[in-house]
């Protein structure tokens, strides 16, 4: 998927994709270390780390797949050469800086269906990942079976609480 996407990007976007992927790998490892730290002395620790890596890799794969199959007019996507899309400042989606315009085209604010059903697995996974990163809640609503609007509201709330104190890049898409 990565190679297919890389083959469709302009040189500047290809460099940003490569940089994003190189940044994502340490992010994945640090995120898994954070998630599994309470179990570091246990016998299942290495299994938990590998499971975490596999889970985050699936999310990353879904993000790259979304970029590869991006519908025309989706502003969360990087323009691909061969298309007539105007240049955009969005960077490729990563677990760390995934641009996510919570546009009505993706999921209506009034849609109460599970996000995975109303917006699709890739977008739902993107919301879940972003929600988990910024939610201050003890039991956050970061689950693809919840409505997208619920996760978007939680992302907005989390980003607002972080404010200008080094927020993730995707927070800029949730202002307003």
C-alpha atoms as a PDB file:
ATOM      1  CA  UNK A   1       0.000   0.000   0.000  1.00  0.00           C
ATOM      2  CA  UNK A   2       2.839   2.376   0.943  1.00  0.00           C
ATOM      3  CA  UNK A   3       4.657   1.736  -2.343  1.00  0.00           C
ATOM      4  CA  UNK A   4       1.466   2.148  -4.374  1.00  0.00           C
ATOM      5  CA  UNK A   5       0.734   5.458  -2.653  1.00  0.00           C
ATOM      6  CA  UNK A   6       4.344   6.621  -2.989  1.00  0.00           C
ATOM      7  CA  UNK A   7       4.179   5.961  -6.730  1.00  0.00           C
ATOM      8  CA  UNK A   8       1.250   8.368  -7.103  1.00  0.00           C
ATOM      9  CA  UNK A   9       2.631  11.335  -5.181  1.00  0.00           C
ATOM     10  CA  UNK A  10       4.519  14.384  -6.367  1.00  0.00           C
ATOM     11  CA  UNK A  11       8.162  14.509  -5.181  1.00  0.00           C
ATOM     12  CA  UNK A  12       7.479  17.004  -2.358  1.00  0.00           C
ATOM     13  CA  UNK A  13       4.519  14.950  -1.104  1.00  0.00           C
ATOM     14  CA  UNK A  14       6.573  11.759  -1.401  1.00  0.00           C
ATOM     15  CA  UNK A  15       9.239  13.294   0.850  1.00  0.00           C
ATOM     16  CA  UNK A  16       6.564  14.273   3.398  1.00  0.00           C
ATOM     17  CA  UNK A  17       5.087  10.761   3.248  1.00  0.00           C
ATOM     18  CA  UNK A  18       8.533   9.255   3.826  1.00  0.00           C
ATOM     19  CA  UNK A  19       9.182  11.659   6.732  1.00  0.00           C
ATOM     20  CA  UNK A  20       5.757  10.887   8.208  1.00  0.00           C
ATOM     21  CA  UNK A  21       6.370   7.145   7.964  1.00  0.00           C
ATOM     22  CA  UNK A  22       9.788   7.497   9.559  1.00  0.00           C
ATOM     23  CA  UNK A  23       8.223   9.513  12.393  1.00  0.00           C
ATOM     24  CA  UNK A  24       5.370   7.035  12.742  1.00  0.00           C
ATOM     25  CA  UNK A  25       7.599   4.051  13.561  1.00  0.00           C
ATOM     26  CA  UNK A  26       9.104   5.631  16.718  1.00  0.00           C
ATOM     27  CA  UNK A  27       5.614   6.912  17.603  1.00  0.00           C
ATOM     28  CA  UNK A  28       4.245   3.364  17.351  1.00  0.00           C
ATOM     29  CA  UNK A  29       7.014   1.991  19.536  1.00  0.00           C
ATOM     30  CA  UNK A  30       6.623   4.735  22.161  1.00  0.00           C
ATOM     31  CA  UNK A  31       2.837   4.386  22.166  1.00  0.00           C
ATOM     32  CA  UNK A  32       3.134   0.637  22.715  1.00  0.00           C
ATOM     33  CA  UNK A  33       5.718   1.155  25.455  1.00  0.00           C
ATOM     34  CA  UNK A  34       3.293   3.564  27.137  1.00  0.00           C
ATOM     35  CA  UNK A  35       0.336   1.201  26.821  1.00  0.00           C
ATOM     36  CA  UNK A  36       2.204  -1.862  28.075  1.00  0.00           C
ATOM     37  CA  UNK A  37       4.383  -0.287  30.802  1.00  0.00           C
ATOM     38  CA  UNK A  38       2.145  -1.517  33.664  1.00  0.00           C
ATOM     39  CA  UNK A  39       2.807  -5.093  32.506  1.00  0.00           C
ATOM     40  CA  UNK A  40       6.572  -4.768  31.914  1.00  0.00           C
ATOM     41  CA  UNK A  41       7.425  -7.305  34.618  1.00  0.00           C
ATOM     42  CA  UNK A  42       4.825  -9.829  33.494  1.00  0.00           C
ATOM     43  CA  UNK A  43       5.264 -12.955  31.434  1.00  0.00           C
ATOM     44  CA  UNK A  44       2.961 -11.732  28.647  1.00  0.00           C
ATOM     45  CA  UNK A  45       4.728  -8.389  28.165  1.00  0.00           C
ATOM     46  CA  UNK A  46       6.355  -9.227  24.820  1.00  0.00           C
ATOM     47  CA  UNK A  47       3.046 -10.561  23.505  1.00  0.00           C
ATOM     48  CA  UNK A  48       1.287  -7.361  24.576  1.00  0.00           C
ATOM     49  CA  UNK A  49       3.913  -5.233  22.812  1.00  0.00           C
ATOM     50  CA  UNK A  50       3.596  -7.252  19.602  1.00  0.00           C
ATOM     51  CA  UNK A  51      -0.209  -7.119  19.762  1.00  0.00           C
ATOM     52  CA  UNK A  52      -0.059  -3.359  20.234  1.00  0.00           C
ATOM     53  CA  UNK A  53       2.315  -2.963  17.291  1.00  0.00           C
ATOM     54  CA  UNK A  54       0.071  -5.109  15.098  1.00  0.00           C
ATOM     55  CA  UNK A  55      -2.987  -3.089  16.141  1.00  0.00           C
ATOM     56  CA  UNK A  56      -1.345   0.280  15.437  1.00  0.00           C
ATOM     57  CA  UNK A  57       0.078  -1.036  12.168  1.00  0.00           C
ATOM     58  CA  UNK A  58      -3.451  -2.009  11.095  1.00  0.00           C
ATOM     59  CA  UNK A  59      -4.632   1.524  11.835  1.00  0.00           C
ATOM     60  CA  UNK A  60      -1.684   2.960   9.881  1.00  0.00           C
ATOM     61  CA  UNK A  61      -2.410   0.623   6.981  1.00  0.00           C
ATOM     62  CA  UNK A  62      -6.040   1.777   6.973  1.00  0.00           C
ATOM     63  CA  UNK A  63      -4.869   5.398   6.900  1.00  0.00           C
ATOM     64  CA  UNK A  64      -2.568   4.754   3.943  1.00  0.00           C
ATOM     65  CA  UNK A  65      -5.317   2.752   2.212  1.00  0.00           C
ATOM     66  CA  UNK A  66      -7.673   5.709   2.692  1.00  0.00           C
ATOM     67  CA  UNK A  67      -5.106   7.989   1.053  1.00  0.00           C
ATOM     68  CA  UNK A  68      -4.739   5.540  -1.812  1.00  0.00           C
ATOM     69  CA  UNK A  69      -8.486   5.240  -2.445  1.00  0.00           C
ATOM     70  CA  UNK A  70      -9.381   8.821  -1.637  1.00  0.00           C
ATOM     71  CA  UNK A  71     -12.591  10.054  -3.245  1.00  0.00           C
ATOM     72  CA  UNK A  72     -12.349  13.238  -5.270  1.00  0.00           C
ATOM     73  CA  UNK A  73     -13.039  16.297  -3.172  1.00  0.00           C
ATOM     74  CA  UNK A  74     -12.004  14.720   0.157  1.00  0.00           C
ATOM     75  CA  UNK A  75      -9.894  17.460   1.705  1.00  0.00           C
ATOM     76  CA  UNK A  76      -8.260  15.081   4.173  1.00  0.00           C
ATOM     77  CA  UNK A  77      -6.289  13.575   1.289  1.00  0.00           C
ATOM     78  CA  UNK A  78      -2.999  14.502  -0.304  1.00  0.00           C
ATOM     79  CA  UNK A  79      -3.421  15.243  -4.024  1.00  0.00           C
ATOM     80  CA  UNK A  80      -1.995  12.496  -6.180  1.00  0.00           C
ATOM     81  CA  UNK A  81      -0.220  13.142  -9.441  1.00  0.00           C
ATOM     82  CA  UNK A  82      -2.369  12.143 -12.328  1.00  0.00           C
ATOM     83  CA  UNK A  83      -5.311  13.970 -10.754  1.00  0.00           C
ATOM     84  CA  UNK A  84      -6.286  17.596 -11.256  1.00  0.00           C
ATOM     85  CA  UNK A  85      -6.599  18.346  -7.564  1.00  0.00           C
ATOM     86  CA  UNK A  86      -5.279  21.679  -6.371  1.00  0.00           C
ATOM     87  CA  UNK A  87      -2.271  21.575  -4.048  1.00  0.00           C
ATOM     88  CA  UNK A  88      -3.093  21.435  -0.378  1.00  0.00           C
ATOM     89  CA  UNK A  89      -1.129  21.919   2.815  1.00  0.00           C
ATOM     90  CA  UNK A  90      -2.357  18.667   4.338  1.00  0.00           C
ATOM     91  CA  UNK A  91       0.277  16.117   5.225  1.00  0.00           C
ATOM     92  CA  UNK A  92      -0.216  12.389   4.735  1.00  0.00           C
ATOM     93  CA  UNK A  93      -2.227  10.706   7.434  1.00  0.00           C
ATOM     94  CA  UNK A  94      -0.281   9.225  10.303  1.00  0.00           C
ATOM     95  CA  UNK A  95      -1.309   8.154  13.704  1.00  0.00           C
ATOM     96  CA  UNK A  96       0.436  11.249  14.966  1.00  0.00           C
ATOM     97  CA  UNK A  97      -0.674  13.941  12.528  1.00  0.00           C
ATOM     98  CA  UNK A  98      -3.620  12.545  10.634  1.00  0.00           C
ATOM     99  CA  UNK A  99      -5.528  15.391   9.036  1.00  0.00           C
ATOM    100  CA  UNK A 100      -9.189  14.814   9.626  1.00  0.00           C
ATOM    101  CA  UNK A 101     -11.681  17.316   8.382  1.00  0.00           C
ATOM    102  CA  UNK A 102     -14.800  16.222  10.208  1.00  0.00           C
ATOM    103  CA  UNK A 103     -16.805  17.060   7.113  1.00  0.00           C
ATOM    104  CA  UNK A 104     -20.490  16.361   6.741  1.00  0.00           C
ATOM    105  CA  UNK A 105     -19.613  14.178   3.757  1.00  0.00           C
ATOM    106  CA  UNK A 106     -17.854  11.757   6.103  1.00  0.00           C
ATOM    107  CA  UNK A 107     -20.476  11.518   8.825  1.00  0.00           C
ATOM    108  CA  UNK A 108     -23.404  13.707   9.724  1.00  0.00           C
ATOM    109  CA  UNK A 109     -23.436  15.168  13.231  1.00  0.00           C
ATOM    110  CA  UNK A 110     -26.978  13.775  13.590  1.00  0.00           C
ATOM    111  CA  UNK A 111     -26.027  10.260  12.486  1.00  0.00           C
ATOM    112  CA  UNK A 112     -26.264   7.937  15.480  1.00  0.00           C
ATOM    113  CA  UNK A 113     -25.139   4.806  13.637  1.00  0.00           C
ATOM    114  CA  UNK A 114     -21.771   3.306  14.597  1.00  0.00           C
ATOM    115  CA  UNK A 115     -18.967   5.387  13.072  1.00  0.00           C
ATOM    116  CA  UNK A 116     -17.466   2.349  11.369  1.00  0.00           C
ATOM    117  CA  UNK A 117     -20.807   1.947   9.573  1.00  0.00           C
ATOM    118  CA  UNK A 118     -21.497   5.595   8.710  1.00  0.00           C
ATOM    119  CA  UNK A 119     -17.970   6.714   7.765  1.00  0.00           C
ATOM    120  CA  UNK A 120     -16.206   3.449   6.933  1.00  0.00           C
ATOM    121  CA  UNK A 121     -13.479   1.532   8.723  1.00  0.00           C
ATOM    122  CA  UNK A 122     -10.534   3.732   7.687  1.00  0.00           C
ATOM    123  CA  UNK A 123     -12.145   6.984   8.816  1.00  0.00           C
ATOM    124  CA  UNK A 124     -13.514   5.364  11.973  1.00  0.00           C
ATOM    125  CA  UNK A 125     -10.038   4.017  12.827  1.00  0.00           C
ATOM    126  CA  UNK A 126      -8.619   7.491  12.239  1.00  0.00           C
ATOM    127  CA  UNK A 127     -11.137   9.055  14.646  1.00  0.00           C
ATOM    128  CA  UNK A 128     -10.489   6.321  17.228  1.00  0.00           C
ATOM    129  CA  UNK A 129      -6.726   6.863  17.050  1.00  0.00           C
ATOM    130  CA  UNK A 130      -7.034  10.641  17.345  1.00  0.00           C
ATOM    131  CA  UNK A 131      -9.621  10.388  20.109  1.00  0.00           C
ATOM    132  CA  UNK A 132      -7.399   8.085  22.166  1.00  0.00           C
ATOM    133  CA  UNK A 133      -4.463  10.483  21.779  1.00  0.00           C
ATOM    134  CA  UNK A 134      -6.230  13.577  23.099  1.00  0.00           C
ATOM    135  CA  UNK A 135      -9.116  12.435  25.287  1.00  0.00           C
ATOM    136  CA  UNK A 136      -8.735  13.413  28.926  1.00  0.00           C
ATOM    137  CA  UNK A 137     -11.511  11.007  29.936  1.00  0.00           C
ATOM    138  CA  UNK A 138     -10.861   7.969  32.112  1.00  0.00           C
ATOM    139  CA  UNK A 139     -13.194   5.937  29.911  1.00  0.00           C
ATOM    140  CA  UNK A 140     -13.222   7.845  26.587  1.00  0.00           C
ATOM    141  CA  UNK A 141     -15.831   7.221  23.867  1.00  0.00           C
ATOM    142  CA  UNK A 142     -13.052   6.310  21.412  1.00  0.00           C
ATOM    143  CA  UNK A 143     -14.667   3.288  19.803  1.00  0.00           C
ATOM    144  CA  UNK A 144     -15.751   2.708  16.208  1.00  0.00           C
ATOM    145  CA  UNK A 145     -19.075   1.364  17.481  1.00  0.00           C
ATOM    146  CA  UNK A 146     -19.938   4.819  18.843  1.00  0.00           C
ATOM    147  CA  UNK A 147     -21.272   7.574  16.577  1.00  0.00           C
ATOM    148  CA  UNK A 148     -18.582   9.573  14.755  1.00  0.00           C
ATOM    149  CA  UNK A 149     -20.038  12.776  16.201  1.00  0.00           C
ATOM    150  CA  UNK A 150     -19.392  11.476  19.719  1.00  0.00           C
ATOM    151  CA  UNK A 151     -15.712  10.849  18.927  1.00  0.00           C
ATOM    152  CA  UNK A 152     -15.374  14.145  17.041  1.00  0.00           C
ATOM    153  CA  UNK A 153     -16.807  16.014  20.036  1.00  0.00           C
ATOM    154  CA  UNK A 154     -14.317  14.237  22.315  1.00  0.00           C
ATOM    155  CA  UNK A 155     -11.430  15.072  19.949  1.00  0.00           C
ATOM    156  CA  UNK A 156     -12.523  18.728  19.899  1.00  0.00           C
ATOM    157  CA  UNK A 157     -12.742  18.733  23.699  1.00  0.00           C
ATOM    158  CA  UNK A 158      -9.333  17.105  24.100  1.00  0.00           C
ATOM    159  CA  UNK A 159      -7.684  19.432  21.581  1.00  0.00           C
ATOM    160  CA  UNK A 160      -9.284  22.448  23.300  1.00  0.00           C
ATOM    161  CA  UNK A 161      -7.938  21.286  26.665  1.00  0.00           C
ATOM    162  CA  UNK A 162      -4.439  20.881  25.221  1.00  0.00           C
ATOM    163  CA  UNK A 163      -4.762  24.356  23.710  1.00  0.00           C
ATOM    164  CA  UNK A 164      -1.477  25.681  22.369  1.00  0.00           C
ATOM    165  CA  UNK A 165       0.606  23.426  24.610  1.00  0.00           C
ATOM    166  CA  UNK A 166       2.071  21.302  21.790  1.00  0.00           C
ATOM    167  CA  UNK A 167      -1.163  19.780  20.424  1.00  0.00           C
ATOM    168  CA  UNK A 168      -1.054  16.987  17.821  1.00  0.00           C
ATOM    169  CA  UNK A 169      -1.107  18.308  14.244  1.00  0.00           C
ATOM    170  CA  UNK A 170      -4.599  17.020  13.570  1.00  0.00           C
ATOM    171  CA  UNK A 171      -6.097  19.336  16.226  1.00  0.00           C
ATOM    172  CA  UNK A 172      -6.007  22.209  13.730  1.00  0.00           C
ATOM    173  CA  UNK A 173      -8.712  20.418  11.716  1.00  0.00           C
ATOM    174  CA  UNK A 174     -11.067  20.485  14.708  1.00  0.00           C
ATOM    175  CA  UNK A 175     -11.031  24.190  15.521  1.00  0.00           C
ATOM    176  CA  UNK A 176     -14.340  25.985  15.390  1.00  0.00           C
END
